[in-house]
């Protein structure tokens, strides 16, 4: 299972990010860190990494975030 870690620039955009990502619900499962809610880990499969990158780039036009790493 692959992970994508991102950090939102604005904590207030957490719900908006989750909503926009949920429009593509079959690509992965985003989970916020309980201690740092602006840190989000998306659990996905190795074969969906490319599709996730495309979706995240489109979301990034609305919600600013940094991509930390991909495992």
C-alpha atoms as a PDB file:
ATOM      1  CA  UNK A   1       0.000   0.000   0.000  1.00  0.00           C
ATOM      2  CA  UNK A   2       1.316   3.437  -0.927  1.00  0.00           C
ATOM      3  CA  UNK A   3       1.042   6.622   1.115  1.00  0.00           C
ATOM      4  CA  UNK A   4       1.032  10.234  -0.008  1.00  0.00           C
ATOM      5  CA  UNK A   5       1.749  12.829   2.685  1.00  0.00           C
ATOM      6  CA  UNK A   6       0.684  16.442   2.268  1.00  0.00           C
ATOM      7  CA  UNK A   7       0.609  19.530   4.506  1.00  0.00           C
ATOM      8  CA  UNK A   8      -2.062  22.152   3.922  1.00  0.00           C
ATOM      9  CA  UNK A   9      -0.924  25.792   3.942  1.00  0.00           C
ATOM     10  CA  UNK A  10      -4.143  26.872   5.690  1.00  0.00           C
ATOM     11  CA  UNK A  11      -5.663  24.814   8.469  1.00  0.00           C
ATOM     12  CA  UNK A  12      -9.081  26.274   7.638  1.00  0.00           C
ATOM     13  CA  UNK A  13      -9.065  24.473   4.260  1.00  0.00           C
ATOM     14  CA  UNK A  14      -9.123  20.931   5.719  1.00  0.00           C
ATOM     15  CA  UNK A  15     -12.827  20.347   5.080  1.00  0.00           C
ATOM     16  CA  UNK A  16     -12.594  21.783   1.569  1.00  0.00           C
ATOM     17  CA  UNK A  17      -9.656  19.486   0.750  1.00  0.00           C
ATOM     18  CA  UNK A  18     -11.490  16.421   2.057  1.00  0.00           C
ATOM     19  CA  UNK A  19     -14.599  17.389   0.072  1.00  0.00           C
ATOM     20  CA  UNK A  20     -12.683  17.887  -3.179  1.00  0.00           C
ATOM     21  CA  UNK A  21     -10.756  14.646  -2.721  1.00  0.00           C
ATOM     22  CA  UNK A  22     -13.951  12.752  -1.867  1.00  0.00           C
ATOM     23  CA  UNK A  23     -15.272  13.533  -5.348  1.00  0.00           C
ATOM     24  CA  UNK A  24     -12.714  10.914  -6.450  1.00  0.00           C
ATOM     25  CA  UNK A  25     -13.407   8.504  -3.604  1.00  0.00           C
ATOM     26  CA  UNK A  26     -12.120   5.361  -5.277  1.00  0.00           C
ATOM     27  CA  UNK A  27      -8.525   6.620  -5.475  1.00  0.00           C
ATOM     28  CA  UNK A  28      -7.598   6.494  -1.794  1.00  0.00           C
ATOM     29  CA  UNK A  29      -8.459   7.219   1.813  1.00  0.00           C
ATOM     30  CA  UNK A  30      -7.303  10.585   3.201  1.00  0.00           C
ATOM     31  CA  UNK A  31      -6.759  10.802   6.949  1.00  0.00           C
ATOM     32  CA  UNK A  32      -5.777  13.886   8.959  1.00  0.00           C
ATOM     33  CA  UNK A  33      -3.191  13.635  11.704  1.00  0.00           C
ATOM     34  CA  UNK A  34      -5.017  14.077  15.031  1.00  0.00           C
ATOM     35  CA  UNK A  35      -2.165  16.143  16.528  1.00  0.00           C
ATOM     36  CA  UNK A  36      -1.542  18.224  13.391  1.00  0.00           C
ATOM     37  CA  UNK A  37      -4.803  18.259  11.408  1.00  0.00           C
ATOM     38  CA  UNK A  38      -3.240  20.165   8.500  1.00  0.00           C
ATOM     39  CA  UNK A  39      -1.076  17.076   7.827  1.00  0.00           C
ATOM     40  CA  UNK A  40      -2.978  14.591   5.691  1.00  0.00           C
ATOM     41  CA  UNK A  41      -1.936  11.090   4.684  1.00  0.00           C
ATOM     42  CA  UNK A  42      -3.639   9.524   1.698  1.00  0.00           C
ATOM     43  CA  UNK A  43      -3.610   5.729   1.744  1.00  0.00           C
ATOM     44  CA  UNK A  44      -3.818   4.301  -1.751  1.00  0.00           C
ATOM     45  CA  UNK A  45      -2.450   1.496  -3.886  1.00  0.00           C
ATOM     46  CA  UNK A  46       0.723   1.571  -5.968  1.00  0.00           C
ATOM     47  CA  UNK A  47      -1.192   1.439  -9.240  1.00  0.00           C
ATOM     48  CA  UNK A  48      -3.234   4.559  -8.351  1.00  0.00           C
ATOM     49  CA  UNK A  49      -0.302   6.884  -7.556  1.00  0.00           C
ATOM     50  CA  UNK A  50      -0.351   8.510 -11.017  1.00  0.00           C
ATOM     51  CA  UNK A  51      -4.116   9.120 -10.873  1.00  0.00           C
ATOM     52  CA  UNK A  52      -3.771  10.564  -7.365  1.00  0.00           C
ATOM     53  CA  UNK A  53      -1.041  12.930  -8.559  1.00  0.00           C
ATOM     54  CA  UNK A  54      -3.333  14.227 -11.320  1.00  0.00           C
ATOM     55  CA  UNK A  55      -6.212  14.750  -8.868  1.00  0.00           C
ATOM     56  CA  UNK A  56      -3.960  16.408  -6.276  1.00  0.00           C
ATOM     57  CA  UNK A  57      -2.590  18.814  -8.899  1.00  0.00           C
ATOM     58  CA  UNK A  58      -6.134  19.884  -9.770  1.00  0.00           C
ATOM     59  CA  UNK A  59      -7.035  20.294  -6.071  1.00  0.00           C
ATOM     60  CA  UNK A  60      -3.836  22.309  -5.545  1.00  0.00           C
ATOM     61  CA  UNK A  61      -5.286  25.039  -7.778  1.00  0.00           C
ATOM     62  CA  UNK A  62      -7.966  25.601  -5.103  1.00  0.00           C
ATOM     63  CA  UNK A  63      -6.333  24.484  -1.838  1.00  0.00           C
ATOM     64  CA  UNK A  64      -2.629  25.203  -1.358  1.00  0.00           C
ATOM     65  CA  UNK A  65      -0.510  22.399   0.104  1.00  0.00           C
ATOM     66  CA  UNK A  66       2.981  20.905   0.029  1.00  0.00           C
ATOM     67  CA  UNK A  67       3.597  17.336  -1.030  1.00  0.00           C
ATOM     68  CA  UNK A  68       5.990  15.871   1.543  1.00  0.00           C
ATOM     69  CA  UNK A  69       6.711  12.398   0.207  1.00  0.00           C
ATOM     70  CA  UNK A  70       5.328   9.356  -1.498  1.00  0.00           C
ATOM     71  CA  UNK A  71       5.932   5.860  -0.108  1.00  0.00           C
END
